[in-house]
Amino acid sequence: MADYLLRRGGDVNLVGYDRLTPLDAAERSGHPTLVAWLRDQGARSAEELV
């Protein structure tokens, strides 16, 4: 699903209402494979964006 959204213009660094990026949410939820994939796509944590 993440790849599908990214290919259609999704922003891997969008900071949501909970002040988390997709990377932050994946890390918090315990999904290391998704975290690695997001990093490969250029994702950063909300703290890295400040």
C-alpha atoms as a PDB file:
ATOM      1  CA  MET A   1       0.000   0.000   0.000  1.00  0.00           C
ATOM      2  CA  ALA A   2       2.837   2.393   0.831  1.00  0.00           C
ATOM      3  CA  ASP A   3       4.413   1.842  -2.583  1.00  0.00           C
ATOM      4  CA  TYR A   4       1.045   2.346  -4.274  1.00  0.00           C
ATOM      5  CA  LEU A   5       0.524   5.665  -2.495  1.00  0.00           C
ATOM      6  CA  LEU A   6       4.068   6.852  -3.151  1.00  0.00           C
ATOM      7  CA  ARG A   7       3.790   6.088  -6.874  1.00  0.00           C
ATOM      8  CA  ARG A   8       0.645   8.204  -6.972  1.00  0.00           C
ATOM      9  CA  GLY A   9       2.251  11.262  -5.421  1.00  0.00           C
ATOM     10  CA  GLY A  10       2.141  10.496  -1.706  1.00  0.00           C
ATOM     11  CA  ASP A  11       4.522  12.487   0.467  1.00  0.00           C
ATOM     12  CA  VAL A  12       6.831  10.252   2.537  1.00  0.00           C
ATOM     13  CA  ASN A  13       7.606  13.234   4.758  1.00  0.00           C
ATOM     14  CA  LEU A  14       4.085  14.461   5.416  1.00  0.00           C
ATOM     15  CA  VAL A  15       3.658  15.430   9.058  1.00  0.00           C
ATOM     16  CA  GLY A  16       0.187  14.324  10.124  1.00  0.00           C
ATOM     17  CA  TYR A  17      -2.192  15.644  12.731  1.00  0.00           C
ATOM     18  CA  ASP A  18      -0.397  13.500  15.319  1.00  0.00           C
ATOM     19  CA  ARG A  19       2.890  15.246  14.431  1.00  0.00           C
ATOM     20  CA  LEU A  20       4.309  12.021  13.016  1.00  0.00           C
ATOM     21  CA  THR A  21       5.677  11.301   9.577  1.00  0.00           C
ATOM     22  CA  PRO A  22       4.988   7.915   7.996  1.00  0.00           C
ATOM     23  CA  LEU A  23       8.464   6.879   9.169  1.00  0.00           C
ATOM     24  CA  ASP A  24       7.677   7.852  12.760  1.00  0.00           C
ATOM     25  CA  ALA A  25       4.385   5.954  12.634  1.00  0.00           C
ATOM     26  CA  ALA A  26       6.053   2.836  11.216  1.00  0.00           C
ATOM     27  CA  GLU A  27       8.757   2.950  13.888  1.00  0.00           C
ATOM     28  CA  ARG A  28       6.203   3.468  16.674  1.00  0.00           C
ATOM     29  CA  SER A  29       4.120   0.557  15.378  1.00  0.00           C
ATOM     30  CA  GLY A  30       7.118  -1.777  15.221  1.00  0.00           C
ATOM     31  CA  HIS A  31       7.376  -2.368  11.462  1.00  0.00           C
ATOM     32  CA  PRO A  32      11.131  -2.527  10.719  1.00  0.00           C
ATOM     33  CA  THR A  33      10.674  -3.653   7.108  1.00  0.00           C
ATOM     34  CA  LEU A  34       8.478  -0.661   6.355  1.00  0.00           C
ATOM     35  CA  VAL A  35      10.903   1.631   8.204  1.00  0.00           C
ATOM     36  CA  ALA A  36      13.766   0.405   6.016  1.00  0.00           C
ATOM     37  CA  TRP A  37      11.693   0.793   2.848  1.00  0.00           C
ATOM     38  CA  LEU A  38      10.627   4.321   3.810  1.00  0.00           C
ATOM     39  CA  ARG A  39      14.257   5.280   4.523  1.00  0.00           C
ATOM     40  CA  ASP A  40      15.190   3.958   1.066  1.00  0.00           C
ATOM     41  CA  GLN A  41      12.521   6.258  -0.382  1.00  0.00           C
ATOM     42  CA  GLY A  42      14.005   9.303   1.396  1.00  0.00           C
ATOM     43  CA  ALA A  43      11.673   9.402   4.400  1.00  0.00           C
ATOM     44  CA  ARG A  44      12.731  11.293   7.500  1.00  0.00           C
ATOM     45  CA  SER A  45      11.348  11.592  11.010  1.00  0.00           C
ATOM     46  CA  ALA A  46       9.513  14.719  12.107  1.00  0.00           C
ATOM     47  CA  GLU A  47      12.532  15.656  14.238  1.00  0.00           C
ATOM     48  CA  GLU A  48      14.800  15.469  11.186  1.00  0.00           C
ATOM     49  CA  LEU A  49      12.529  17.848   9.295  1.00  0.00           C
ATOM     50  CA  VAL A  50      12.795  20.631  11.884  1.00  0.00           C
END
